[in-house]
Structure formats: structure tokens, C-alpha cells
Amino acid sequence: MGDSTQNILICGIGGQGVVLAGKIISHAAFESGMDIKTSEVHGMSQRGGSVSTHIRFGKKIFSPLIPKNGATAILSFDIYETLRYSDKFANINTIIVSSNDGKTPAWTSKTKNGTIKNNFTDIYSIASVLKDNFKSLTLLDDKLIAENLGNIKVSNIILIGALSVFTHIKEEIWLKTIETNVPEKTIDLNINAFMKGRDSL
């Protein structure tokens, strides 16, 4: 991502760490000396509901909301949400960093025996659609990486690490921001998770 206005959309479902991710990215941009605006979390914020956060930063930002198809980057913690939000906010140049895992949403159309009707609601089909439509797509098995680190809760930090590669925010600023936004006893774990994500590309 260049030095002009950056529009980062974070999406996922309640309980995945969307709010913390937004806080870390916002603080890192602020520490880099940029003007920044963020929206409130939209959607059902309880566990299991669809949530998203808009983050915009640059020399001067006037509105916190990302315009249609105006996302510079989409950071997604759930592949179903990646498909949902990319349709409205992504364009051909949008950088998409997404988990390759996801929970079948309640709105999915099903047959009488409970099988999914629409092929786009199968994880592998969604991945194929995304790969065909976006030239800058990174799908990570963040859950597996997190499990190998010993804590599934750091999946969001792993994905932030992957996204950080595409920004002009310095690594030391990212690390400092993580240190100040996670519980002290989990700093080493979260730093390790961030670096795993950053080194995964």
C-alpha cells in the first residue's frame, strides 16, 4: 500500500478479535504520524454475529467510512465474511488477507436434508472464487498456526502480521503497538504470532 489514503476494512464474526485488530492497526497508523478515522463496529457484535470495522488513514482524513469498492485492503477472520464484504468494498487492486477457515452463516440457504444449496457457501468454492477475482489474495491457515503456538486466540494477530507486510508502517511500530494493546503476560505470545503471520508470505 502506498503513501496515499489507505482504507482498511476488517471483518469477521463476533468473538474473533475484530475490535482488538482495529485498535492495533489504528494505533500503529497513528504512531506513524498519520491522520486516522475509524468507524464504530457495524453489525451484530455478540459472538457469532457478523461484524466489521472501517479504518482510514493518510495525510488528512475527513470521513471514517470506506466508500463502495474503495477498500485498499480487507482483513478478514472468516472466509464467508471475506466473500460477503469483498463484493461490496473490494476492487481489482484491493489487497485481501483472509483466514481460509469459516463458520457457515445462519443466512445460508439449505435443502431439506440440511445440505448447502449454493456452491459459493462451500469453503473451497469460495476460495476458488476469490482467487479468480482478486489478484492480491492471501489465504492463511491462521487457526493451524495459532494452534501450533499453543493458543487459538492469537489467530487475529497472525492475520495482522500478514497484512503488515503490505503497509509502509515500520515493523518496530507494529511491535510496540502490540505490546501496549495486549495483556502483559501475553506479549511474547502475541509478538510471536505477529511475526509468524508476517513471515508467512
N, C-alpha and C. Protein backbone atom coordinates (compact mmCIF):
# COMPACT_ATOMS: atom_id res chain seq x y z
N MET A 1 0.85 -1.20 0.00
CA MET A 1 0.00 0.00 0.00
C MET A 1 0.88 1.24 0.00
N GLY A 2 0.51 2.22 -0.77
CA GLY A 2 1.31 3.43 -0.91
C GLY A 2 1.10 4.43 0.21
N ASP A 3 1.58 5.66 -0.04
CA ASP A 3 1.51 6.70 0.99
C ASP A 3 0.22 7.51 0.95
N SER A 4 -0.64 7.28 -0.03
CA SER A 4 -1.91 7.99 -0.11
C SER A 4 -2.89 7.42 0.91
N THR A 5 -4.12 7.90 0.88
CA THR A 5 -5.13 7.44 1.84
C THR A 5 -5.31 5.93 1.76
N GLN A 6 -5.28 5.29 2.91
CA GLN A 6 -5.46 3.85 2.99
C GLN A 6 -6.80 3.54 3.66
N ASN A 7 -7.55 2.66 3.04
CA ASN A 7 -8.86 2.26 3.54
C ASN A 7 -8.83 0.78 3.88
N ILE A 8 -8.79 0.46 5.16
CA ILE A 8 -8.72 -0.94 5.58
C ILE A 8 -10.03 -1.36 6.22
N LEU A 9 -10.63 -2.38 5.67
CA LEU A 9 -11.86 -2.95 6.22
C LEU A 9 -11.51 -4.24 6.93
N ILE A 10 -11.88 -4.33 8.21
CA ILE A 10 -11.70 -5.55 8.97
C ILE A 10 -13.06 -6.20 9.14
N CYS A 11 -13.15 -7.49 8.86
CA CYS A 11 -14.45 -8.16 9.01
C CYS A 11 -14.27 -9.54 9.61
N GLY A 12 -15.34 -10.02 10.21
CA GLY A 12 -15.32 -11.33 10.84
C GLY A 12 -16.64 -11.54 11.55
N ILE A 13 -16.62 -12.38 12.55
CA ILE A 13 -17.81 -12.60 13.36
C ILE A 13 -17.48 -12.34 14.82
N GLY A 14 -18.49 -12.08 15.61
CA GLY A 14 -18.29 -11.72 17.00
C GLY A 14 -17.45 -12.75 17.75
N GLY A 15 -16.48 -12.27 18.52
CA GLY A 15 -15.63 -13.15 19.30
C GLY A 15 -14.31 -13.49 18.65
N GLN A 16 -14.06 -12.99 17.43
CA GLN A 16 -12.81 -13.31 16.73
C GLN A 16 -11.71 -12.27 16.92
N GLY A 17 -12.01 -11.17 17.58
CA GLY A 17 -10.97 -10.17 17.81
C GLY A 17 -10.96 -9.04 16.82
N VAL A 18 -12.10 -8.76 16.18
CA VAL A 18 -12.19 -7.66 15.22
C VAL A 18 -11.87 -6.32 15.89
N VAL A 19 -12.41 -6.11 17.10
CA VAL A 19 -12.22 -4.84 17.80
C VAL A 19 -10.75 -4.63 18.14
N LEU A 20 -10.10 -5.67 18.67
CA LEU A 20 -8.68 -5.55 19.02
C LEU A 20 -7.83 -5.30 17.77
N ALA A 21 -8.14 -5.98 16.69
CA ALA A 21 -7.40 -5.79 15.44
C ALA A 21 -7.52 -4.35 14.97
N GLY A 22 -8.73 -3.80 15.04
CA GLY A 22 -8.95 -2.42 14.64
C GLY A 22 -8.15 -1.46 15.51
N LYS A 23 -8.09 -1.75 16.79
CA LYS A 23 -7.35 -0.91 17.73
C LYS A 23 -5.86 -0.93 17.42
N ILE A 24 -5.32 -2.11 17.16
CA ILE A 24 -3.89 -2.24 16.88
C ILE A 24 -3.52 -1.54 15.58
N ILE A 25 -4.30 -1.77 14.53
CA ILE A 25 -3.99 -1.13 13.24
C ILE A 25 -4.11 0.38 13.34
N SER A 26 -5.15 0.86 14.01
CA SER A 26 -5.36 2.30 14.17
C SER A 26 -4.20 2.94 14.93
N HIS A 27 -3.78 2.31 16.02
CA HIS A 27 -2.70 2.85 16.83
C HIS A 27 -1.38 2.84 16.06
N ALA A 28 -1.15 1.79 15.28
CA ALA A 28 0.09 1.71 14.50
C ALA A 28 0.13 2.83 13.47
N ALA A 29 -1.00 3.09 12.82
CA ALA A 29 -1.06 4.18 11.84
C ALA A 29 -0.85 5.53 12.52
N PHE A 30 -1.45 5.71 13.70
CA PHE A 30 -1.30 6.96 14.46
C PHE A 30 0.16 7.16 14.87
N GLU A 31 0.81 6.10 15.34
CA GLU A 31 2.21 6.19 15.75
C GLU A 31 3.12 6.49 14.57
N SER A 32 2.64 6.23 13.36
CA SER A 32 3.40 6.53 12.15
C SER A 32 3.20 7.97 11.69
N GLY A 33 2.41 8.73 12.46
CA GLY A 33 2.22 10.14 12.18
C GLY A 33 1.11 10.46 11.20
N MET A 34 0.20 9.52 10.98
CA MET A 34 -0.88 9.74 10.02
C MET A 34 -2.18 10.17 10.70
N ASP A 35 -2.97 10.93 9.97
CA ASP A 35 -4.32 11.24 10.41
C ASP A 35 -5.15 9.98 10.23
N ILE A 36 -6.05 9.74 11.16
CA ILE A 36 -6.80 8.48 11.10
C ILE A 36 -8.22 8.68 11.57
N LYS A 37 -9.13 7.98 10.89
CA LYS A 37 -10.54 7.96 11.29
C LYS A 37 -11.00 6.51 11.27
N THR A 38 -11.78 6.12 12.27
CA THR A 38 -12.34 4.78 12.30
C THR A 38 -13.83 4.86 12.57
N SER A 39 -14.55 3.87 12.10
CA SER A 39 -15.98 3.79 12.38
C SER A 39 -16.21 2.95 13.62
N GLU A 40 -17.42 3.00 14.11
CA GLU A 40 -17.82 2.05 15.14
C GLU A 40 -17.97 0.68 14.48
N VAL A 41 -17.97 -0.36 15.29
CA VAL A 41 -18.18 -1.70 14.75
C VAL A 41 -19.62 -1.80 14.27
N HIS A 42 -19.82 -2.30 13.06
CA HIS A 42 -21.16 -2.45 12.50
C HIS A 42 -21.60 -3.90 12.56
N GLY A 43 -22.88 -4.11 12.73
CA GLY A 43 -23.42 -5.46 12.71
C GLY A 43 -23.69 -5.97 14.11
N MET A 44 -23.89 -7.27 14.21
CA MET A 44 -24.21 -7.92 15.48
C MET A 44 -22.91 -8.24 16.20
N SER A 45 -22.61 -7.49 17.26
CA SER A 45 -21.32 -7.62 17.90
C SER A 45 -21.23 -8.80 18.86
N GLN A 46 -22.36 -9.46 19.16
CA GLN A 46 -22.26 -10.61 20.04
C GLN A 46 -21.60 -11.77 19.31
N ARG A 47 -21.13 -12.76 20.09
CA ARG A 47 -20.42 -13.89 19.49
C ARG A 47 -21.28 -14.56 18.42
N GLY A 48 -20.71 -14.72 17.23
CA GLY A 48 -21.41 -15.39 16.14
C GLY A 48 -22.03 -14.45 15.13
N GLY A 49 -22.18 -13.16 15.46
CA GLY A 49 -22.77 -12.20 14.54
C GLY A 49 -21.72 -11.57 13.63
N SER A 50 -22.12 -11.14 12.45
CA SER A 50 -21.21 -10.51 11.50
C SER A 50 -20.82 -9.12 12.00
N VAL A 51 -19.52 -8.81 12.00
CA VAL A 51 -19.04 -7.50 12.45
C VAL A 51 -17.99 -6.97 11.47
N SER A 52 -17.87 -5.65 11.42
CA SER A 52 -16.84 -5.04 10.58
C SER A 52 -16.42 -3.71 11.16
N THR A 53 -15.21 -3.31 10.84
CA THR A 53 -14.67 -2.02 11.26
C THR A 53 -13.99 -1.35 10.07
N HIS A 54 -14.26 -0.06 9.90
CA HIS A 54 -13.62 0.72 8.85
C HIS A 54 -12.48 1.52 9.46
N ILE A 55 -11.31 1.47 8.83
CA ILE A 55 -10.16 2.27 9.26
C ILE A 55 -9.63 3.02 8.04
N ARG A 56 -9.50 4.34 8.18
CA ARG A 56 -8.95 5.15 7.09
C ARG A 56 -7.82 6.01 7.64
N PHE A 57 -6.68 6.00 6.96
CA PHE A 57 -5.58 6.85 7.42
C PHE A 57 -4.78 7.40 6.24
N GLY A 58 -4.15 8.55 6.48
CA GLY A 58 -3.39 9.25 5.45
C GLY A 58 -3.00 10.62 5.96
N LYS A 59 -2.70 11.54 5.05
CA LYS A 59 -2.30 12.89 5.46
C LYS A 59 -3.46 13.64 6.11
N LYS A 60 -4.65 13.52 5.53
CA LYS A 60 -5.83 14.17 6.10
C LYS A 60 -7.06 13.37 5.73
N ILE A 61 -7.80 12.92 6.75
CA ILE A 61 -8.98 12.09 6.54
C ILE A 61 -10.21 12.84 7.06
N PHE A 62 -11.27 12.86 6.27
CA PHE A 62 -12.48 13.61 6.65
C PHE A 62 -13.64 12.70 7.05
N SER A 63 -13.68 11.48 6.50
CA SER A 63 -14.80 10.58 6.80
C SER A 63 -14.26 9.21 7.22
N PRO A 64 -14.88 8.56 8.20
CA PRO A 64 -14.40 7.25 8.65
C PRO A 64 -14.90 6.08 7.80
N LEU A 65 -15.86 6.33 6.93
CA LEU A 65 -16.49 5.23 6.19
C LEU A 65 -15.83 5.02 4.83
N ILE A 66 -15.52 3.79 4.53
CA ILE A 66 -14.93 3.43 3.25
C ILE A 66 -16.01 3.43 2.17
N PRO A 67 -15.78 4.11 1.07
CA PRO A 67 -16.79 4.11 0.00
C PRO A 67 -16.90 2.77 -0.69
N LYS A 68 -17.98 2.58 -1.43
CA LYS A 68 -18.21 1.33 -2.15
C LYS A 68 -17.04 1.02 -3.07
N ASN A 69 -16.56 -0.22 -3.02
CA ASN A 69 -15.44 -0.69 -3.82
C ASN A 69 -14.18 0.15 -3.63
N GLY A 70 -14.07 0.78 -2.45
CA GLY A 70 -12.96 1.68 -2.19
C GLY A 70 -11.95 1.17 -1.18
N ALA A 71 -12.01 -0.10 -0.81
CA ALA A 71 -11.07 -0.63 0.18
C ALA A 71 -9.69 -0.83 -0.42
N THR A 72 -8.69 -0.28 0.23
CA THR A 72 -7.30 -0.57 -0.15
C THR A 72 -6.94 -1.98 0.26
N ALA A 73 -7.47 -2.39 1.43
CA ALA A 73 -7.20 -3.73 1.93
C ALA A 73 -8.39 -4.24 2.72
N ILE A 74 -8.61 -5.53 2.67
CA ILE A 74 -9.61 -6.19 3.50
C ILE A 74 -8.89 -7.23 4.34
N LEU A 75 -9.07 -7.15 5.65
CA LEU A 75 -8.52 -8.12 6.58
C LEU A 75 -9.70 -8.90 7.15
N SER A 76 -9.76 -10.19 6.86
CA SER A 76 -10.94 -10.98 7.24
C SER A 76 -10.56 -12.20 8.07
N PHE A 77 -11.32 -12.43 9.13
CA PHE A 77 -11.07 -13.56 10.01
C PHE A 77 -11.97 -14.76 9.69
N ASP A 78 -12.78 -14.64 8.66
CA ASP A 78 -13.72 -15.70 8.30
C ASP A 78 -13.93 -15.65 6.80
N ILE A 79 -13.73 -16.76 6.11
CA ILE A 79 -13.76 -16.74 4.65
C ILE A 79 -15.15 -16.41 4.09
N TYR A 80 -16.21 -16.76 4.83
CA TYR A 80 -17.55 -16.39 4.38
C TYR A 80 -17.72 -14.87 4.41
N GLU A 81 -17.17 -14.23 5.46
CA GLU A 81 -17.25 -12.78 5.57
C GLU A 81 -16.37 -12.12 4.51
N THR A 82 -15.29 -12.77 4.13
CA THR A 82 -14.45 -12.24 3.04
C THR A 82 -15.27 -12.11 1.78
N LEU A 83 -16.01 -13.16 1.44
CA LEU A 83 -16.85 -13.13 0.24
C LEU A 83 -17.93 -12.07 0.37
N ARG A 84 -18.57 -11.99 1.54
CA ARG A 84 -19.65 -11.04 1.75
C ARG A 84 -19.17 -9.58 1.57
N TYR A 85 -18.05 -9.24 2.18
CA TYR A 85 -17.60 -7.86 2.17
C TYR A 85 -16.81 -7.47 0.92
N SER A 86 -16.12 -8.45 0.31
CA SER A 86 -15.37 -8.13 -0.90
C SER A 86 -16.30 -7.74 -2.03
N ASP A 87 -17.49 -8.31 -2.04
CA ASP A 87 -18.46 -7.99 -3.09
C ASP A 87 -18.83 -6.51 -3.08
N LYS A 88 -18.86 -5.91 -1.91
CA LYS A 88 -19.28 -4.51 -1.78
C LYS A 88 -18.11 -3.54 -1.72
N PHE A 89 -16.99 -3.95 -1.11
CA PHE A 89 -15.92 -3.00 -0.83
C PHE A 89 -14.64 -3.19 -1.62
N ALA A 90 -14.42 -4.36 -2.21
CA ALA A 90 -13.15 -4.61 -2.90
C ALA A 90 -13.21 -4.19 -4.37
N ASN A 91 -12.03 -3.94 -4.91
CA ASN A 91 -11.87 -3.72 -6.35
C ASN A 91 -10.67 -4.54 -6.80
N ILE A 92 -10.32 -4.44 -8.07
CA ILE A 92 -9.27 -5.30 -8.61
C ILE A 92 -7.92 -5.09 -7.93
N ASN A 93 -7.72 -3.89 -7.35
CA ASN A 93 -6.44 -3.58 -6.72
C ASN A 93 -6.43 -3.79 -5.21
N THR A 94 -7.56 -4.22 -4.66
CA THR A 94 -7.66 -4.40 -3.22
C THR A 94 -6.80 -5.58 -2.74
N ILE A 95 -6.02 -5.34 -1.69
CA ILE A 95 -5.25 -6.40 -1.06
C ILE A 95 -6.17 -7.12 -0.08
N ILE A 96 -6.31 -8.42 -0.24
CA ILE A 96 -7.18 -9.20 0.64
C ILE A 96 -6.35 -10.22 1.41
N VAL A 97 -6.41 -10.11 2.73
CA VAL A 97 -5.75 -11.07 3.61
C VAL A 97 -6.86 -11.74 4.41
N SER A 98 -6.99 -13.05 4.27
CA SER A 98 -8.13 -13.74 4.87
C SER A 98 -7.75 -15.08 5.47
N SER A 99 -8.46 -15.44 6.51
CA SER A 99 -8.40 -16.81 7.01
C SER A 99 -9.01 -17.72 5.95
N ASN A 100 -8.50 -18.94 5.84
CA ASN A 100 -9.13 -19.88 4.91
C ASN A 100 -10.15 -20.74 5.64
N ASP A 101 -10.48 -20.34 6.87
CA ASP A 101 -11.44 -21.06 7.70
C ASP A 101 -12.70 -20.21 7.84
N GLY A 102 -13.80 -20.82 8.19
CA GLY A 102 -15.02 -20.05 8.39
C GLY A 102 -16.15 -20.87 8.95
N LYS A 103 -17.11 -20.19 9.54
CA LYS A 103 -18.28 -20.83 10.10
C LYS A 103 -19.47 -20.58 9.18
N THR A 104 -20.16 -21.64 8.78
CA THR A 104 -21.32 -21.49 7.89
C THR A 104 -22.33 -20.53 8.52
N PRO A 105 -22.63 -19.41 7.86
CA PRO A 105 -23.51 -18.41 8.46
C PRO A 105 -24.98 -18.83 8.48
N ALA A 106 -25.74 -18.20 9.36
CA ALA A 106 -27.16 -18.54 9.53
C ALA A 106 -27.97 -18.25 8.28
N TRP A 107 -27.51 -17.29 7.46
CA TRP A 107 -28.29 -16.91 6.28
C TRP A 107 -28.11 -17.87 5.11
N THR A 108 -27.25 -18.88 5.27
CA THR A 108 -27.01 -19.82 4.18
C THR A 108 -28.28 -20.57 3.80
N SER A 109 -28.56 -20.64 2.51
CA SER A 109 -29.72 -21.38 2.01
C SER A 109 -29.41 -22.87 2.02
N LYS A 110 -30.31 -23.66 2.59
CA LYS A 110 -30.08 -25.10 2.69
C LYS A 110 -31.25 -25.90 2.11
N THR A 111 -30.96 -27.11 1.74
CA THR A 111 -32.00 -28.01 1.26
C THR A 111 -32.70 -28.63 2.47
N LYS A 112 -33.72 -29.46 2.21
CA LYS A 112 -34.47 -30.07 3.31
C LYS A 112 -33.62 -30.97 4.19
N ASN A 113 -32.64 -31.62 3.59
CA ASN A 113 -31.80 -32.52 4.40
C ASN A 113 -30.62 -31.80 5.05
N GLY A 114 -30.58 -30.47 4.93
CA GLY A 114 -29.58 -29.69 5.63
C GLY A 114 -28.30 -29.43 4.84
N THR A 115 -28.19 -29.98 3.62
CA THR A 115 -27.00 -29.71 2.83
C THR A 115 -27.10 -28.32 2.21
N ILE A 116 -25.95 -27.74 1.93
CA ILE A 116 -25.92 -26.37 1.39
C ILE A 116 -26.23 -26.37 -0.10
N LYS A 117 -27.14 -25.50 -0.51
CA LYS A 117 -27.54 -25.41 -1.92
C LYS A 117 -26.47 -24.72 -2.76
N ASN A 118 -26.02 -23.55 -2.32
CA ASN A 118 -25.17 -22.70 -3.12
C ASN A 118 -23.71 -23.09 -3.00
N ASN A 119 -23.06 -23.41 -4.10
CA ASN A 119 -21.67 -23.81 -4.06
C ASN A 119 -20.76 -22.74 -3.47
N PHE A 120 -21.21 -21.46 -3.53
CA PHE A 120 -20.40 -20.39 -3.00
C PHE A 120 -20.32 -20.41 -1.48
N THR A 121 -21.10 -21.26 -0.83
CA THR A 121 -21.03 -21.35 0.62
C THR A 121 -20.18 -22.53 1.07
N ASP A 122 -19.50 -23.15 0.14
CA ASP A 122 -18.50 -24.17 0.46
C ASP A 122 -17.15 -23.46 0.51
N ILE A 123 -16.37 -23.72 1.56
CA ILE A 123 -15.11 -23.00 1.77
C ILE A 123 -14.18 -23.09 0.55
N TYR A 124 -14.07 -24.27 -0.04
CA TYR A 124 -13.15 -24.44 -1.16
C TYR A 124 -13.64 -23.71 -2.41
N SER A 125 -14.96 -23.68 -2.60
CA SER A 125 -15.53 -22.95 -3.73
C SER A 125 -15.34 -21.45 -3.56
N ILE A 126 -15.53 -20.98 -2.32
CA ILE A 126 -15.31 -19.56 -2.03
C ILE A 126 -13.86 -19.18 -2.31
N ALA A 127 -12.93 -20.02 -1.86
CA ALA A 127 -11.51 -19.75 -2.11
C ALA A 127 -11.23 -19.66 -3.60
N SER A 128 -11.85 -20.54 -4.38
CA SER A 128 -11.66 -20.54 -5.82
C SER A 128 -12.20 -19.26 -6.45
N VAL A 129 -13.38 -18.83 -5.99
CA VAL A 129 -13.98 -17.59 -6.50
C VAL A 129 -13.09 -16.40 -6.18
N LEU A 130 -12.60 -16.34 -4.95
CA LEU A 130 -11.75 -15.22 -4.55
C LEU A 130 -10.45 -15.20 -5.36
N LYS A 131 -9.86 -16.36 -5.58
CA LYS A 131 -8.61 -16.43 -6.33
C LYS A 131 -8.81 -16.01 -7.78
N ASP A 132 -9.99 -16.30 -8.32
CA ASP A 132 -10.28 -15.93 -9.71
C ASP A 132 -10.56 -14.44 -9.87
N ASN A 133 -11.01 -13.79 -8.80
CA ASN A 133 -11.48 -12.41 -8.93
C ASN A 133 -10.56 -11.35 -8.35
N PHE A 134 -9.58 -11.76 -7.55
CA PHE A 134 -8.70 -10.76 -6.94
C PHE A 134 -7.25 -11.16 -7.12
N LYS A 135 -6.45 -10.24 -7.67
CA LYS A 135 -5.07 -10.57 -7.99
C LYS A 135 -4.16 -10.55 -6.77
N SER A 136 -4.59 -9.87 -5.69
CA SER A 136 -3.78 -9.82 -4.48
C SER A 136 -4.55 -10.46 -3.33
N LEU A 137 -4.47 -11.77 -3.25
CA LEU A 137 -5.21 -12.52 -2.25
C LEU A 137 -4.26 -13.42 -1.47
N THR A 138 -4.31 -13.30 -0.15
CA THR A 138 -3.54 -14.15 0.73
C THR A 138 -4.49 -14.91 1.64
N LEU A 139 -4.54 -16.22 1.50
CA LEU A 139 -5.36 -17.07 2.36
C LEU A 139 -4.43 -17.82 3.31
N LEU A 140 -4.66 -17.66 4.61
CA LEU A 140 -3.80 -18.28 5.60
C LEU A 140 -4.57 -19.28 6.46
N ASP A 141 -3.89 -20.36 6.82
CA ASP A 141 -4.45 -21.31 7.78
C ASP A 141 -4.06 -20.79 9.17
N ASP A 142 -4.64 -19.66 9.54
CA ASP A 142 -4.28 -18.99 10.79
C ASP A 142 -4.61 -19.84 12.01
N LYS A 143 -5.67 -20.63 11.91
CA LYS A 143 -6.06 -21.47 13.05
C LYS A 143 -4.98 -22.52 13.33
N LEU A 144 -4.45 -23.12 12.29
CA LEU A 144 -3.40 -24.12 12.48
C LEU A 144 -2.14 -23.48 13.06
N ILE A 145 -1.77 -22.31 12.53
CA ILE A 145 -0.59 -21.62 13.05
C ILE A 145 -0.78 -21.27 14.52
N ALA A 146 -1.98 -20.79 14.85
CA ALA A 146 -2.28 -20.42 16.24
C ALA A 146 -2.24 -21.64 17.16
N GLU A 147 -2.79 -22.75 16.69
CA GLU A 147 -2.77 -23.98 17.49
C GLU A 147 -1.33 -24.44 17.74
N ASN A 148 -0.49 -24.28 16.73
CA ASN A 148 0.92 -24.67 16.90
C ASN A 148 1.64 -23.76 17.89
N LEU A 149 1.14 -22.55 18.04
CA LEU A 149 1.70 -21.62 19.02
C LEU A 149 1.12 -21.86 20.41
N GLY A 150 0.07 -22.67 20.47
CA GLY A 150 -0.50 -23.03 21.76
C GLY A 150 -1.70 -22.23 22.20
N ASN A 151 -2.22 -21.33 21.33
CA ASN A 151 -3.37 -20.52 21.73
C ASN A 151 -4.14 -20.06 20.50
N ILE A 152 -5.34 -20.59 20.30
CA ILE A 152 -6.14 -20.27 19.12
C ILE A 152 -6.54 -18.80 19.08
N LYS A 153 -6.50 -18.13 20.24
CA LYS A 153 -6.95 -16.74 20.32
C LYS A 153 -6.04 -15.75 19.60
N VAL A 154 -4.86 -16.18 19.19
CA VAL A 154 -3.95 -15.24 18.51
C VAL A 154 -4.09 -15.30 16.99
N SER A 155 -5.15 -15.95 16.51
CA SER A 155 -5.38 -16.01 15.05
C SER A 155 -5.45 -14.62 14.45
N ASN A 156 -6.12 -13.69 15.15
CA ASN A 156 -6.26 -12.34 14.60
C ASN A 156 -4.90 -11.63 14.49
N ILE A 157 -4.01 -11.87 15.44
CA ILE A 157 -2.69 -11.25 15.41
C ILE A 157 -1.86 -11.82 14.26
N ILE A 158 -2.03 -13.09 13.98
CA ILE A 158 -1.33 -13.72 12.85
C ILE A 158 -1.73 -13.04 11.54
N LEU A 159 -3.03 -12.81 11.38
CA LEU A 159 -3.51 -12.17 10.15
C LEU A 159 -3.08 -10.71 10.06
N ILE A 160 -3.02 -10.02 11.20
CA ILE A 160 -2.48 -8.65 11.20
C ILE A 160 -1.03 -8.67 10.74
N GLY A 161 -0.28 -9.65 11.20
CA GLY A 161 1.11 -9.78 10.77
C GLY A 161 1.24 -9.91 9.26
N ALA A 162 0.37 -10.71 8.67
CA ALA A 162 0.39 -10.86 7.20
C ALA A 162 0.04 -9.55 6.52
N LEU A 163 -0.98 -8.85 7.02
CA LEU A 163 -1.37 -7.57 6.43
C LEU A 163 -0.25 -6.54 6.55
N SER A 164 0.49 -6.57 7.65
CA SER A 164 1.52 -5.55 7.90
C SER A 164 2.57 -5.49 6.80
N VAL A 165 2.80 -6.62 6.14
CA VAL A 165 3.79 -6.67 5.07
C VAL A 165 3.45 -5.71 3.94
N PHE A 166 2.15 -5.48 3.73
CA PHE A 166 1.70 -4.65 2.62
C PHE A 166 1.61 -3.17 2.97
N THR A 167 1.92 -2.81 4.21
CA THR A 167 1.85 -1.41 4.62
C THR A 167 3.24 -0.80 4.67
N HIS A 168 3.28 0.54 4.80
CA HIS A 168 4.55 1.24 4.96
C HIS A 168 4.82 1.55 6.43
N ILE A 169 4.05 0.95 7.32
CA ILE A 169 4.27 1.13 8.76
C ILE A 169 5.44 0.24 9.16
N LYS A 170 6.40 0.83 9.86
CA LYS A 170 7.62 0.11 10.22
C LYS A 170 7.34 -1.04 11.20
N GLU A 171 8.14 -2.09 11.08
CA GLU A 171 7.96 -3.26 11.94
C GLU A 171 8.04 -2.91 13.42
N GLU A 172 8.97 -2.04 13.78
CA GLU A 172 9.12 -1.70 15.20
C GLU A 172 7.88 -0.99 15.75
N ILE A 173 7.17 -0.25 14.90
CA ILE A 173 5.94 0.41 15.34
C ILE A 173 4.85 -0.63 15.58
N TRP A 174 4.75 -1.60 14.68
CA TRP A 174 3.79 -2.68 14.88
C TRP A 174 4.06 -3.41 16.21
N LEU A 175 5.31 -3.73 16.45
CA LEU A 175 5.66 -4.48 17.66
C LEU A 175 5.36 -3.67 18.93
N LYS A 176 5.69 -2.39 18.90
CA LYS A 176 5.41 -1.52 20.04
C LYS A 176 3.90 -1.42 20.29
N THR A 177 3.14 -1.31 19.21
CA THR A 177 1.69 -1.19 19.33
C THR A 177 1.08 -2.46 19.91
N ILE A 178 1.55 -3.60 19.48
CA ILE A 178 1.05 -4.86 20.03
C ILE A 178 1.36 -4.95 21.52
N GLU A 179 2.56 -4.60 21.90
CA GLU A 179 2.97 -4.65 23.30
C GLU A 179 2.06 -3.82 24.20
N THR A 180 1.61 -2.68 23.69
CA THR A 180 0.80 -1.78 24.52
C THR A 180 -0.70 -2.08 24.45
N ASN A 181 -1.10 -3.05 23.63
CA ASN A 181 -2.53 -3.31 23.46
C ASN A 181 -2.96 -4.73 23.82
N VAL A 182 -2.02 -5.52 24.31
CA VAL A 182 -2.38 -6.87 24.77
C VAL A 182 -1.97 -7.02 26.23
N PRO A 183 -2.57 -7.95 26.96
CA PRO A 183 -2.17 -8.17 28.36
C PRO A 183 -0.68 -8.48 28.46
N GLU A 184 -0.05 -7.96 29.50
CA GLU A 184 1.41 -8.07 29.65
C GLU A 184 1.89 -9.52 29.58
N LYS A 185 1.14 -10.43 30.19
CA LYS A 185 1.57 -11.83 30.23
C LYS A 185 1.48 -12.52 28.87
N THR A 186 0.80 -11.89 27.90
CA THR A 186 0.67 -12.50 26.58
C THR A 186 1.49 -11.78 25.51
N ILE A 187 2.33 -10.83 25.92
CA ILE A 187 3.09 -10.05 24.94
C ILE A 187 3.96 -10.95 24.06
N ASP A 188 4.74 -11.82 24.66
CA ASP A 188 5.64 -12.67 23.87
C ASP A 188 4.86 -13.56 22.90
N LEU A 189 3.75 -14.11 23.36
CA LEU A 189 2.91 -14.95 22.52
C LEU A 189 2.38 -14.16 21.33
N ASN A 190 1.88 -12.96 21.58
CA ASN A 190 1.31 -12.14 20.51
C ASN A 190 2.37 -11.63 19.54
N ILE A 191 3.54 -11.29 20.04
CA ILE A 191 4.63 -10.87 19.16
C ILE A 191 5.04 -12.03 18.26
N ASN A 192 5.13 -13.22 18.83
CA ASN A 192 5.47 -14.41 18.06
C ASN A 192 4.43 -14.67 16.98
N ALA A 193 3.14 -14.52 17.35
CA ALA A 193 2.05 -14.73 16.40
C ALA A 193 2.13 -13.71 15.26
N PHE A 194 2.40 -12.45 15.61
CA PHE A 194 2.54 -11.41 14.59
C PHE A 194 3.66 -11.75 13.61
N MET A 195 4.80 -12.16 14.12
CA MET A 195 5.93 -12.47 13.27
C MET A 195 5.68 -13.71 12.42
N LYS A 196 4.93 -14.69 12.95
CA LYS A 196 4.56 -15.86 12.16
C LYS A 196 3.72 -15.45 10.96
N GLY A 197 2.78 -14.54 11.20
CA GLY A 197 1.96 -14.04 10.11
C GLY A 197 2.76 -13.24 9.11
N ARG A 198 3.65 -12.41 9.63
CA ARG A 198 4.48 -11.56 8.76
C ARG A 198 5.43 -12.39 7.91
N ASP A 199 5.94 -13.48 8.48
CA ASP A 199 6.89 -14.32 7.76
C ASP A 199 6.23 -15.39 6.88
N SER A 200 4.90 -15.44 6.92
CA SER A 200 4.19 -16.50 6.19
C SER A 200 4.08 -16.21 4.70
N LEU A 201 4.37 -14.98 4.29
CA LEU A 201 4.21 -14.62 2.87
C LEU A 201 5.49 -14.87 2.09
